[in-house]
C-alpha atoms as a PDB file:
ATOM      1  CA  MET A   1      26.518 -22.132   4.519  1.00  0.00           C
ATOM      2  CA  SER A   2      25.171 -20.566   1.314  1.00  0.00           C
ATOM      3  CA  ARG A   3      23.014 -17.726   1.093  1.00  0.00           C
ATOM      4  CA  LYS A   4      18.998 -18.273   0.718  1.00  0.00           C
ATOM      5  CA  TYR A   5      16.858 -16.175  -1.525  1.00  0.00           C
ATOM      6  CA  ALA A   6      12.966 -15.924  -2.226  1.00  0.00           C
ATOM      7  CA  ILE A   7      10.840 -14.303  -4.574  1.00  0.00           C
ATOM      8  CA  GLY A   8       8.916 -11.121  -3.488  1.00  0.00           C
ATOM      9  CA  ILE A   9       6.041  -9.995  -5.196  1.00  0.00           C
ATOM     10  CA  ASP A  10       3.931  -6.401  -4.983  1.00  0.00           C
ATOM     11  CA  LEU A  11       1.078  -6.641  -7.191  1.00  0.00           C
ATOM     12  CA  GLY A  12      -1.004  -3.524  -6.739  1.00  0.00           C
ATOM     13  CA  GLY A  13      -3.825  -1.909  -8.613  1.00  0.00           C
ATOM     14  CA  THR A  14      -1.565   0.221 -10.565  1.00  0.00           C
ATOM     15  CA  ASN A  15       2.149  -1.508 -10.459  1.00  0.00           C
ATOM     16  CA  LEU A  16       3.820  -4.892 -10.214  1.00  0.00           C
ATOM     17  CA  ARG A  17       6.900  -5.241  -8.419  1.00  0.00           C
ATOM     18  CA  VAL A  18       8.422  -8.448  -8.492  1.00  0.00           C
ATOM     19  CA  ALA A  19      12.445  -8.899  -6.482  1.00  0.00           C
ATOM     20  CA  LEU A  20      15.125 -11.157  -5.808  1.00  0.00           C
ATOM     21  CA  VAL A  21      15.512 -10.868  -2.100  1.00  0.00           C
ATOM     22  CA  SER A  22      18.218 -12.414   0.106  1.00  0.00           C
ATOM     23  CA  GLU A  23      17.454 -14.134   3.671  1.00  0.00           C
ATOM     24  CA  GLU A  24      18.589 -10.985   4.833  1.00  0.00           C
ATOM     25  CA  GLY A  25      16.132  -8.832   4.019  1.00  0.00           C
ATOM     26  CA  GLU A  26      18.529  -7.330   1.120  1.00  0.00           C
ATOM     27  CA  ILE A  27      16.777  -7.116  -2.894  1.00  0.00           C
ATOM     28  CA  VAL A  28      19.477  -8.622  -5.424  1.00  0.00           C
ATOM     29  CA  ARG A  29      17.503  -7.562  -8.272  1.00  0.00           C
ATOM     30  CA  LYS A  30      14.203  -5.843  -8.688  1.00  0.00           C
ATOM     31  CA  ILE A  31      11.871  -5.396 -11.938  1.00  0.00           C
ATOM     32  CA  LYS A  32       8.834  -3.117 -11.931  1.00  0.00           C
ATOM     33  CA  LYS A  33       6.160  -3.167 -14.448  1.00  0.00           C
ATOM     34  CA  PRO A  34       2.008  -1.763 -15.088  1.00  0.00           C
ATOM     35  CA  SER A  35      -0.045  -4.479 -13.277  1.00  0.00           C
ATOM     36  CA  SER A  36      -1.924  -6.268 -16.312  1.00  0.00           C
ATOM     37  CA  ALA A  37      -5.121  -7.844 -16.968  1.00  0.00           C
ATOM     38  CA  GLN A  38      -3.562 -10.863 -17.506  1.00  0.00           C
ATOM     39  CA  ILE A  39      -2.226 -11.431 -14.212  1.00  0.00           C
ATOM     40  CA  LEU A  40      -0.786 -15.070 -14.252  1.00  0.00           C
ATOM     41  CA  ASP A  41       1.151 -14.301 -17.648  1.00  0.00           C
ATOM     42  CA  SER A  42       2.569 -11.214 -16.368  1.00  0.00           C
ATOM     43  CA  LEU A  43       3.734 -12.932 -13.104  1.00  0.00           C
ATOM     44  CA  THR A  44       4.775 -15.471 -14.761  1.00  0.00           C
ATOM     45  CA  GLU A  45       7.274 -13.523 -16.881  1.00  0.00           C
ATOM     46  CA  SER A  46       8.662 -11.143 -14.279  1.00  0.00           C
ATOM     47  CA  ILE A  47       9.355 -14.089 -11.587  1.00  0.00           C
ATOM     48  CA  ALA A  48      11.411 -16.043 -14.935  1.00  0.00           C
ATOM     49  CA  GLU A  49      13.284 -12.575 -15.986  1.00  0.00           C
ATOM     50  CA  ILE A  50      14.524 -12.412 -11.885  1.00  0.00           C
ATOM     51  CA  LYS A  51      14.549 -15.907 -10.833  1.00  0.00           C
ATOM     52  CA  ALA A  52      17.521 -17.472  -9.408  1.00  0.00           C
ATOM     53  CA  GLU A  53      18.895 -20.961  -9.602  1.00  0.00           C
ATOM     54  CA  LYS A  54      17.409 -21.946  -6.504  1.00  0.00           C
ATOM     55  CA  VAL A  55      14.929 -19.894  -4.569  1.00  0.00           C
ATOM     56  CA  ALA A  56      12.894 -20.976  -1.229  1.00  0.00           C
ATOM     57  CA  GLY A  57       9.823 -19.803  -2.068  1.00  0.00           C
ATOM     58  CA  ILE A  58       7.229 -17.077  -3.524  1.00  0.00           C
ATOM     59  CA  GLY A  59       6.047 -14.591  -1.068  1.00  0.00           C
ATOM     60  CA  LEU A  60       3.003 -12.736  -2.834  1.00  0.00           C
ATOM     61  CA  GLY A  61       1.549  -9.317  -1.349  1.00  0.00           C
ATOM     62  CA  THR A  62      -1.621  -8.638  -3.349  1.00  0.00           C
ATOM     63  CA  ALA A  63      -4.490  -5.838  -3.044  1.00  0.00           C
ATOM     64  CA  GLY A  64      -7.731  -7.185  -1.532  1.00  0.00           C
ATOM     65  CA  LEU A  65      -8.755  -9.255   0.995  1.00  0.00           C
ATOM     66  CA  ILE A  66      -7.126 -12.655   1.425  1.00  0.00           C
ATOM     67  CA  ASP A  67      -8.012 -16.567   1.676  1.00  0.00           C
ATOM     68  CA  ARG A  68      -4.459 -17.582   3.191  1.00  0.00           C
ATOM     69  CA  LYS A  69      -5.450 -21.076   3.826  1.00  0.00           C
ATOM     70  CA  ASN A  70      -6.264 -21.632  -0.030  1.00  0.00           C
ATOM     71  CA  GLY A  71      -4.269 -19.201  -1.690  1.00  0.00           C
ATOM     72  CA  ARG A  72      -7.058 -16.906  -3.185  1.00  0.00           C
ATOM     73  CA  VAL A  73      -8.104 -13.291  -3.281  1.00  0.00           C
ATOM     74  CA  TYR A  74     -11.480 -12.925  -2.023  1.00  0.00           C
ATOM     75  CA  ALA A  75     -12.174  -9.630  -3.251  1.00  0.00           C
ATOM     76  CA  SER A  76     -10.058  -6.627  -4.488  1.00  0.00           C
ATOM     77  CA  PRO A  77     -11.893  -3.460  -5.863  1.00  0.00           C
ATOM     78  CA  ASN A  78      -8.927  -1.933  -7.381  1.00  0.00           C
ATOM     79  CA  LEU A  79      -7.597  -5.225  -8.989  1.00  0.00           C
ATOM     80  CA  HIS A  80     -10.545  -6.975 -10.142  1.00  0.00           C
ATOM     81  CA  ALA A  81      -8.181  -9.228 -12.373  1.00  0.00           C
ATOM     82  CA  VAL A  82      -6.815 -11.482  -9.135  1.00  0.00           C
ATOM     83  CA  GLU A  83     -10.351 -12.118  -7.903  1.00  0.00           C
ATOM     84  CA  GLY A  84     -11.335 -16.081  -7.249  1.00  0.00           C
ATOM     85  CA  ILE A  85      -7.945 -17.319  -9.270  1.00  0.00           C
ATOM     86  CA  ASP A  86      -6.002 -19.727  -7.625  1.00  0.00           C
ATOM     87  CA  LEU A  87      -2.675 -17.816  -7.226  1.00  0.00           C
ATOM     88  CA  SER A  88      -0.779 -19.929  -4.974  1.00  0.00           C
ATOM     89  CA  THR A  89      -1.487 -23.408  -6.752  1.00  0.00           C
ATOM     90  CA  GLU A  90      -0.914 -21.668 -10.387  1.00  0.00           C
ATOM     91  CA  LEU A  91       2.627 -20.285  -9.143  1.00  0.00           C
ATOM     92  CA  ARG A  92       3.034 -23.237  -7.223  1.00  0.00           C
ATOM     93  CA  ARG A  93       3.141 -25.460 -10.327  1.00  0.00           C
ATOM     94  CA  ARG A  94       4.661 -23.112 -12.689  1.00  0.00           C
ATOM     95  CA  PHE A  95       7.910 -23.098 -10.772  1.00  0.00           C
ATOM     96  CA  ASN A  96       7.881 -26.025  -8.258  1.00  0.00           C
ATOM     97  CA  VAL A  97       8.361 -24.147  -5.037  1.00  0.00           C
ATOM     98  CA  PRO A  98       6.213 -22.902  -1.905  1.00  0.00           C
ATOM     99  CA  VAL A  99       4.545 -20.086  -2.198  1.00  0.00           C
ATOM    100  CA  PHE A 100       2.377 -17.736   0.451  1.00  0.00           C
ATOM    101  CA  ILE A 101       0.148 -15.405  -0.161  1.00  0.00           C
ATOM    102  CA  GLU A 102      -0.707 -11.969   1.968  1.00  0.00           C
ATOM    103  CA  ASN A 103      -2.569  -8.671   1.688  1.00  0.00           C
ATOM    104  CA  ASP A 104      -0.191  -6.036  -0.002  1.00  0.00           C
ATOM    105  CA  GLY A 105      -0.498  -3.679   2.741  1.00  0.00           C
ATOM    106  CA  ASN A 106       0.507  -6.373   5.343  1.00  0.00           C
ATOM    107  CA  ALA A 107       3.204  -7.171   3.201  1.00  0.00           C
ATOM    108  CA  ALA A 108       4.630  -3.537   2.959  1.00  0.00           C
ATOM    109  CA  ALA A 109       4.151  -3.630   7.227  1.00  0.00           C
ATOM    110  CA  LEU A 110       6.189  -6.108   7.518  1.00  0.00           C
ATOM    111  CA  GLY A 111       8.954  -5.265   5.102  1.00  0.00           C
ATOM    112  CA  GLU A 112       9.064  -1.629   6.953  1.00  0.00           C
ATOM    113  CA  LYS A 113       9.262  -3.907  10.678  1.00  0.00           C
ATOM    114  CA  ILE A 114      12.288  -5.832   9.177  1.00  0.00           C
ATOM    115  CA  GLY A 115      14.456  -3.220   7.433  1.00  0.00           C
ATOM    116  CA  GLY A 116      12.409   0.134   7.212  1.00  0.00           C
ATOM    117  CA  ALA A 117      10.753   2.949   9.505  1.00  0.00           C
ATOM    118  CA  GLY A 118       9.398   0.070  11.876  1.00  0.00           C
ATOM    119  CA  LYS A 119      12.828  -1.293  13.031  1.00  0.00           C
ATOM    120  CA  SER A 120      12.411   0.459  16.376  1.00  0.00           C
ATOM    121  CA  PHE A 121       8.911   0.134  17.005  1.00  0.00           C
ATOM    122  CA  ASP A 122       6.806  -3.088  18.368  1.00  0.00           C
ATOM    123  CA  SER A 123       3.418  -1.673  17.729  1.00  0.00           C
ATOM    124  CA  PHE A 124       2.579   0.274  14.324  1.00  0.00           C
ATOM    125  CA  VAL A 125      -0.226   0.794  11.755  1.00  0.00           C
ATOM    126  CA  LEU A 126       1.243   1.379   8.572  1.00  0.00           C
ATOM    127  CA  LEU A 127      -1.135   2.824   5.431  1.00  0.00           C
ATOM    128  CA  THR A 128      -0.358   2.476   1.469  1.00  0.00           C
ATOM    129  CA  LEU A 129      -1.419   5.825   0.182  1.00  0.00           C
ATOM    130  CA  GLY A 130      -1.775   5.172  -3.412  1.00  0.00           C
ATOM    131  CA  THR A 131      -4.726   3.828  -5.809  1.00  0.00           C
ATOM    132  CA  GLY A 132      -6.413   2.881  -2.750  1.00  0.00           C
ATOM    133  CA  ILE A 133      -5.865   3.138   0.559  1.00  0.00           C
ATOM    134  CA  GLY A 134      -4.415  -0.323   2.201  1.00  0.00           C
ATOM    135  CA  GLY A 135      -3.180  -0.969   5.662  1.00  0.00           C
ATOM    136  CA  GLY A 136      -0.727  -3.384   7.847  1.00  0.00           C
ATOM    137  CA  ILE A 137      -0.762  -3.592  11.603  1.00  0.00           C
ATOM    138  CA  ILE A 138       2.338  -4.673  13.520  1.00  0.00           C
ATOM    139  CA  HIS A 139       1.435  -5.264  17.258  1.00  0.00           C
ATOM    140  CA  GLY A 140       3.567  -6.791  19.697  1.00  0.00           C
ATOM    141  CA  GLY A 141       6.428  -7.198  17.607  1.00  0.00           C
ATOM    142  CA  ARG A 142       4.544  -9.182  15.071  1.00  0.00           C
ATOM    143  CA  LEU A 143       2.788  -8.908  11.832  1.00  0.00           C
ATOM    144  CA  LEU A 144      -1.212  -9.358  12.679  1.00  0.00           C
ATOM    145  CA  LYS A 145      -2.870 -11.356  10.122  1.00  0.00           C
ATOM    146  CA  VAL A 146      -6.283  -9.350   9.653  1.00  0.00           C
ATOM    147  CA  ALA A 147      -7.909  -7.847   6.860  1.00  0.00           C
ATOM    148  CA  SER A 148      -6.509  -4.616   8.032  1.00  0.00           C
ATOM    149  CA  GLU A 149      -8.320  -2.775   4.997  1.00  0.00           C
ATOM    150  CA  ILE A 150      -7.849   0.815   6.427  1.00  0.00           C
ATOM    151  CA  GLY A 151      -9.092   2.535   3.231  1.00  0.00           C
ATOM    152  CA  HIS A 152     -12.535   0.919   3.569  1.00  0.00           C
ATOM    153  CA  MET A 153     -13.401   2.201   6.881  1.00  0.00           C
ATOM    154  CA  SER A 154     -16.984   4.297   6.332  1.00  0.00           C
ATOM    155  CA  ILE A 155     -16.161   7.837   7.263  1.00  0.00           C
ATOM    156  CA  ASN A 156     -19.245   8.897   5.737  1.00  0.00           C
ATOM    157  CA  SER A 157     -22.706   6.995   6.146  1.00  0.00           C
ATOM    158  CA  ASP A 158     -24.392   9.248   3.657  1.00  0.00           C
ATOM    159  CA  ALA A 159     -21.673   9.376   0.870  1.00  0.00           C
ATOM    160  CA  GLU A 160     -21.251   7.682  -2.587  1.00  0.00           C
ATOM    161  CA  LYS A 161     -20.782   3.983  -2.996  1.00  0.00           C
ATOM    162  CA  CYS A 162     -17.261   2.685  -2.977  1.00  0.00           C
ATOM    163  CA  PRO A 163     -16.390  -0.125  -5.435  1.00  0.00           C
ATOM    164  CA  CYS A 164     -16.075  -2.216  -2.631  1.00  0.00           C
ATOM    165  CA  GLY A 165     -19.932  -2.160  -1.805  1.00  0.00           C
ATOM    166  CA  ASN A 166     -19.251   0.106   1.468  1.00  0.00           C
ATOM    167  CA  VAL A 167     -20.804   3.618   1.235  1.00  0.00           C
ATOM    168  CA  GLY A 168     -18.705   6.715   2.427  1.00  0.00           C
ATOM    169  CA  CYS A 169     -14.929   4.775   2.479  1.00  0.00           C
ATOM    170  CA  LEU A 170     -11.732   6.648   3.475  1.00  0.00           C
ATOM    171  CA  GLU A 171     -10.330   5.901   0.314  1.00  0.00           C
ATOM    172  CA  ASN A 172     -13.254   7.676  -1.526  1.00  0.00           C
ATOM    173  CA  TYR A 173     -11.747  10.801   0.233  1.00  0.00           C
ATOM    174  CA  ALA A 174      -8.245  10.516   0.341  1.00  0.00           C
ATOM    175  CA  SER A 175      -7.098   8.310  -2.200  1.00  0.00           C
ATOM    176  CA  ALA A 176      -5.372   8.822  -5.154  1.00  0.00           C
ATOM    177  CA  ARG A 177      -8.430   8.127  -7.392  1.00  0.00           C
ATOM    178  CA  ALA A 178     -10.248  10.396  -5.349  1.00  0.00           C
ATOM    179  CA  MET A 179      -8.222  13.089  -6.219  1.00  0.00           C
ATOM    180  CA  ILE A 180      -8.101  12.413 -10.214  1.00  0.00           C
ATOM    181  CA  ALA A 181     -11.778  12.287  -9.951  1.00  0.00           C
ATOM    182  CA  ARG A 182     -12.371  15.143  -8.223  1.00  0.00           C
ATOM    183  CA  ALA A 183      -9.720  17.119 -10.657  1.00  0.00           C
ATOM    184  CA  VAL A 184     -11.690  15.647 -13.577  1.00  0.00           C
ATOM    185  CA  ALA A 185     -15.267  16.386 -12.213  1.00  0.00           C
ATOM    186  CA  MET A 186     -14.395  20.074 -11.301  1.00  0.00           C
ATOM    187  CA  ILE A 187     -13.018  21.279 -14.328  1.00  0.00           C
ATOM    188  CA  GLU A 188     -15.880  19.118 -16.200  1.00  0.00           C
ATOM    189  CA  LYS A 189     -17.857  21.898 -14.375  1.00  0.00           C
ATOM    190  CA  GLY A 190     -15.571  24.869 -15.703  1.00  0.00           C
ATOM    191  CA  THR A 191     -13.581  25.263 -13.171  1.00  0.00           C
ATOM    192  CA  GLU A 192     -10.119  26.656 -13.998  1.00  0.00           C
ATOM    193  CA  SER A 193      -6.806  25.288 -13.526  1.00  0.00           C
ATOM    194  CA  LEU A 194      -3.652  24.431 -14.668  1.00  0.00           C
ATOM    195  CA  LEU A 195      -4.209  20.977 -14.783  1.00  0.00           C
ATOM    196  CA  LYS A 196      -6.248  21.963 -17.929  1.00  0.00           C
ATOM    197  CA  GLU A 197      -2.679  22.074 -19.346  1.00  0.00           C
ATOM    198  CA  CYS A 198      -1.564  18.649 -18.219  1.00  0.00           C
ATOM    199  CA  CYS A 199      -1.510  15.705 -20.615  1.00  0.00           C
ATOM    200  CA  LYS A 200      -1.621  17.542 -23.915  1.00  0.00           C
ATOM    201  CA  GLY A 201      -5.129  18.758 -22.344  1.00  0.00           C
ATOM    202  CA  ASN A 202      -6.689  15.452 -21.658  1.00  0.00           C
ATOM    203  CA  ILE A 203      -7.641  15.818 -18.355  1.00  0.00           C
ATOM    204  CA  TYR A 204      -8.724  12.045 -18.008  1.00  0.00           C
ATOM    205  CA  LYS A 205      -4.944  11.128 -17.957  1.00  0.00           C
ATOM    206  CA  LEU A 206      -4.337  13.219 -15.317  1.00  0.00           C
ATOM    207  CA  SER A 207      -1.974  11.658 -12.014  1.00  0.00           C
ATOM    208  CA  PRO A 208      -1.676  12.735  -8.782  1.00  0.00           C
ATOM    209  CA  GLU A 209       1.944  13.784  -9.472  1.00  0.00           C
ATOM    210  CA  ASP A 210       0.299  16.737 -12.136  1.00  0.00           C
ATOM    211  CA  ILE A 211      -2.451  17.555  -9.215  1.00  0.00           C
ATOM    212  CA  TYR A 212       0.740  18.208  -6.536  1.00  0.00           C
ATOM    213  CA  LYS A 213       3.419  19.831  -9.531  1.00  0.00           C
ATOM    214  CA  ALA A 214       0.576  22.146 -10.104  1.00  0.00           C
ATOM    215  CA  ALA A 215      -0.454  23.162  -6.504  1.00  0.00           C
ATOM    216  CA  LEU A 216       3.318  23.876  -6.039  1.00  0.00           C
ATOM    217  CA  GLU A 217       2.676  26.258  -9.135  1.00  0.00           C
ATOM    218  CA  GLY A 218      -0.060  28.046  -7.159  1.00  0.00           C
ATOM    219  CA  ASP A 219      -3.186  26.322  -8.751  1.00  0.00           C
ATOM    220  CA  THR A 220      -5.987  26.974  -6.499  1.00  0.00           C
ATOM    221  CA  LEU A 221      -7.843  23.813  -7.126  1.00  0.00           C
ATOM    222  CA  SER A 222      -4.704  21.588  -7.098  1.00  0.00           C
ATOM    223  CA  ARG A 223      -4.065  22.867  -3.432  1.00  0.00           C
ATOM    224  CA  GLU A 224      -7.700  22.465  -2.555  1.00  0.00           C
ATOM    225  CA  ILE A 225      -7.951  19.203  -3.617  1.00  0.00           C
ATOM    226  CA  LEU A 226      -4.838  17.841  -1.450  1.00  0.00           C
ATOM    227  CA  ARG A 227      -5.826  20.005   1.462  1.00  0.00           C
ATOM    228  CA  ASP A 228      -9.111  18.182   1.383  1.00  0.00           C
ATOM    229  CA  ALA A 229      -8.133  14.432   0.679  1.00  0.00           C
ATOM    230  CA  GLY A 230      -5.450  15.309   3.635  1.00  0.00           C
ATOM    231  CA  LYS A 231      -8.310  16.475   5.790  1.00  0.00           C
ATOM    232  CA  TYR A 232     -10.027  13.465   5.145  1.00  0.00           C
ATOM    233  CA  LEU A 233      -6.699  10.963   5.556  1.00  0.00           C
ATOM    234  CA  GLY A 234      -6.454  12.777   8.938  1.00  0.00           C
ATOM    235  CA  VAL A 235     -10.097  11.474  10.306  1.00  0.00           C
ATOM    236  CA  GLY A 236      -8.806   7.920   9.569  1.00  0.00           C
ATOM    237  CA  LEU A 237      -5.330   8.821  11.494  1.00  0.00           C
ATOM    238  CA  ALA A 238      -7.041   9.999  14.169  1.00  0.00           C
ATOM    239  CA  ASN A 239      -9.537   6.990  14.169  1.00  0.00           C
ATOM    240  CA  ILE A 240      -6.508   4.602  14.110  1.00  0.00           C
ATOM    241  CA  ILE A 241      -5.026   6.111  16.797  1.00  0.00           C
ATOM    242  CA  ASN A 242      -8.038   6.688  19.306  1.00  0.00           C
ATOM    243  CA  ILE A 243      -8.781   2.604  18.419  1.00  0.00           C
ATOM    244  CA  MET A 244      -5.287   0.954  18.392  1.00  0.00           C
ATOM    245  CA  SER A 245      -2.731   3.499  20.332  1.00  0.00           C
ATOM    246  CA  PRO A 246      -0.094   2.528  18.253  1.00  0.00           C
ATOM    247  CA  GLU A 247       3.707   3.855  18.758  1.00  0.00           C
ATOM    248  CA  ALA A 248       3.901   4.980  15.160  1.00  0.00           C
ATOM    249  CA  ILE A 249       1.946   5.287  12.011  1.00  0.00           C
ATOM    250  CA  ILE A 250       4.053   4.859   9.193  1.00  0.00           C
ATOM    251  CA  LEU A 251       3.193   6.393   5.371  1.00  0.00           C
ATOM    252  CA  ALA A 252       3.602   4.545   2.526  1.00  0.00           C
ATOM    253  CA  GLY A 253       3.015   4.855  -1.177  1.00  0.00           C
ATOM    254  CA  GLY A 254       3.502   7.483  -4.253  1.00  0.00           C
ATOM    255  CA  LEU A 255       1.331   9.839  -2.413  1.00  0.00           C
ATOM    256  CA  ILE A 256       3.616  10.802   0.474  1.00  0.00           C
ATOM    257  CA  GLY A 257       5.484  12.562  -2.414  1.00  0.00           C
ATOM    258  CA  ALA A 258       2.768  15.460  -1.460  1.00  0.00           C
ATOM    259  CA  TRP A 259       4.196  15.513   1.948  1.00  0.00           C
ATOM    260  CA  ASN A 260       3.990  18.891   2.601  1.00  0.00           C
ATOM    261  CA  ILE A 261       0.535  19.506   1.801  1.00  0.00           C
ATOM    262  CA  TYR A 262      -1.240  16.375   1.772  1.00  0.00           C
ATOM    263  CA  VAL A 263      -0.046  14.706   4.766  1.00  0.00           C
ATOM    264  CA  GLN A 264       0.439  17.747   6.789  1.00  0.00           C
ATOM    265  CA  GLU A 265      -3.110  18.387   6.541  1.00  0.00           C
ATOM    266  CA  ALA A 266      -3.795  15.235   7.383  1.00  0.00           C
ATOM    267  CA  ILE A 267      -1.906  15.128  10.578  1.00  0.00           C
ATOM    268  CA  LYS A 268      -3.215  18.419  11.890  1.00  0.00           C
ATOM    269  CA  GLU A 269      -5.944  17.372  11.063  1.00  0.00           C
ATOM    270  CA  ALA A 270      -5.373  14.105  13.066  1.00  0.00           C
ATOM    271  CA  SER A 271      -4.425  16.305  16.115  1.00  0.00           C
ATOM    272  CA  ARG A 272      -7.878  17.882  16.252  1.00  0.00           C
ATOM    273  CA  ARG A 273      -9.644  14.950  16.076  1.00  0.00           C
ATOM    274  CA  ALA A 274      -8.001  12.111  18.163  1.00  0.00           C
ATOM    275  CA  PHE A 275      -7.431  12.272  22.491  1.00  0.00           C
ATOM    276  CA  LYS A 276      -4.495  14.416  22.984  1.00  0.00           C
ATOM    277  CA  ASP A 277      -2.538  12.089  25.190  1.00  0.00           C
ATOM    278  CA  LEU A 278      -2.614   9.347  22.465  1.00  0.00           C
ATOM    279  CA  PHE A 279      -1.831  12.133  19.678  1.00  0.00           C
ATOM    280  CA  ASP A 280       1.392  12.895  21.268  1.00  0.00           C
ATOM    281  CA  SER A 281       2.751   9.549  21.955  1.00  0.00           C
ATOM    282  CA  VAL A 282       2.475   8.389  18.555  1.00  0.00           C
ATOM    283  CA  LYS A 283       4.918   9.136  15.691  1.00  0.00           C
ATOM    284  CA  ILE A 284       3.710   9.676  11.829  1.00  0.00           C
ATOM    285  CA  LEU A 285       6.567   9.030   9.762  1.00  0.00           C
ATOM    286  CA  PRO A 286       6.838   8.726   6.007  1.00  0.00           C
ATOM    287  CA  SER A 287       8.524   4.703   4.975  1.00  0.00           C
ATOM    288  CA  SER A 288      12.151   4.652   5.018  1.00  0.00           C
ATOM    289  CA  LEU A 289      11.681   1.803   2.206  1.00  0.00           C
ATOM    290  CA  ARG A 290       9.583   3.690  -0.111  1.00  0.00           C
ATOM    291  CA  ASP A 291       8.201   0.793  -3.117  1.00  0.00           C
ATOM    292  CA  ASN A 292      10.579  -1.833  -1.838  1.00  0.00           C
ATOM    293  CA  ALA A 293       8.631  -2.084   1.370  1.00  0.00           C
ATOM    294  CA  GLY A 294       6.056  -4.620   0.015  1.00  0.00           C
ATOM    295  CA  VAL A 295       8.507  -7.240  -2.105  1.00  0.00           C
ATOM    296  CA  ILE A 296      11.133  -7.124   1.079  1.00  0.00           C
ATOM    297  CA  GLY A 297       8.336  -8.303   3.179  1.00  0.00           C
ATOM    298  CA  ALA A 298       6.466 -10.787   0.528  1.00  0.00           C
ATOM    299  CA  ALA A 299       9.912 -12.513   0.052  1.00  0.00           C
ATOM    300  CA  CYS A 300      10.489 -12.661   4.026  1.00  0.00           C
ATOM    301  CA  LEU A 301       7.363 -13.924   4.750  1.00  0.00           C
ATOM    302  CA  VAL A 302       8.643 -16.976   2.605  1.00  0.00           C
ATOM    303  CA  PHE A 303      11.419 -17.066   5.297  1.00  0.00           C
ATOM    304  CA  LEU A 304       9.241 -16.804   8.381  1.00  0.00           C
ATOM    305  CA  SER A 305       6.789 -19.031   7.049  1.00  0.00           C
ATOM    306  CA  LEU A 306       9.131 -21.876   6.063  1.00  0.00           C
ATOM    307  CA  SER A 307      11.107 -21.925   9.908  1.00  0.00           C
ATOM    308  CA  GLY A 308       8.282 -21.203  11.465  1.00  0.00           C
ATOM    309  CA  GLU A 309      10.221 -18.363  13.591  1.00  0.00           C
ATOM    310  CA  ASN A 310       9.191 -14.923  14.477  1.00  0.00           C
ATOM    311  CA  LEU A 311      10.639 -11.407  13.354  1.00  0.00           C
ATOM    312  CA  GLN A 312      12.606 -11.780  16.322  1.00  0.00           C
ATOM    313  CA  ARG A 313      15.289 -13.299  13.834  1.00  0.00           C
ATOM    314  CA  TYR A 314      15.346  -9.716  11.858  1.00  0.00           C
ATOM    315  CA  HIS A 315      16.345  -7.927  15.134  1.00  0.00           C
ATOM    316  CA  TYR A 316      20.219  -6.705  14.725  1.00  0.00           C
END
């Protein structure tokens, strides 16, 4: 019997990842490129580039609130280009295969459950820490098909407005976008920092990697930014622990590269705020699939949806 394959897509606010994935959750081919405003053209080109002769379908994990029934994105604060586009119908028409759409954080959680750090847990919450902050929830061994917009929990009722329309969102304080915005604002006010020397002096091109690198070199502003963002993340983690009492919280995304400052500060803050018994029973650990979690989860969503099976099929 020949192996089955599916296309898995992880469409985020910064990058687009597309992979050909086997039914066993193994990546055969993968490409990565910056997200484009021309979403459909970029998706079509990428899929055509790696598509096998025959695939079971396409799984699309994308940032935003998902209308699963109609294959659309209601709203995506970090990727407005996908809003209102009938992605499922367009991709189905162009490639003549079934298409399934899911929130990118949910897809990543599914990927971690299938082949990553979540394999041994029946209940965990995944956070994607990048341009924004997304989430996905596995409960009772199954993906909860809920919004999981953890980055948009309000942690400050009297604060600036988030692009989503809410006020005081976690994402406004603990995401890469928040870190960069604060760094730029502080430098514009005259704060001395090694970050002034980055990007040939163009501070508007700063990245989280620049901030972390400067922090390791002893830059006071960079260390302060990472620690403060970590404290806010810790508030979010404590809320998750107190509400969900998961077995684990898995952290994914580019920002986990700053684990020893940003994430450690978050864990410390969560330990202060969460119920002690609940905090002591949860494991906080990094994704083991890194940026492959989303494409694996999106592809396996195809196999699960077409077969009507649940995640038990992936228990090895």
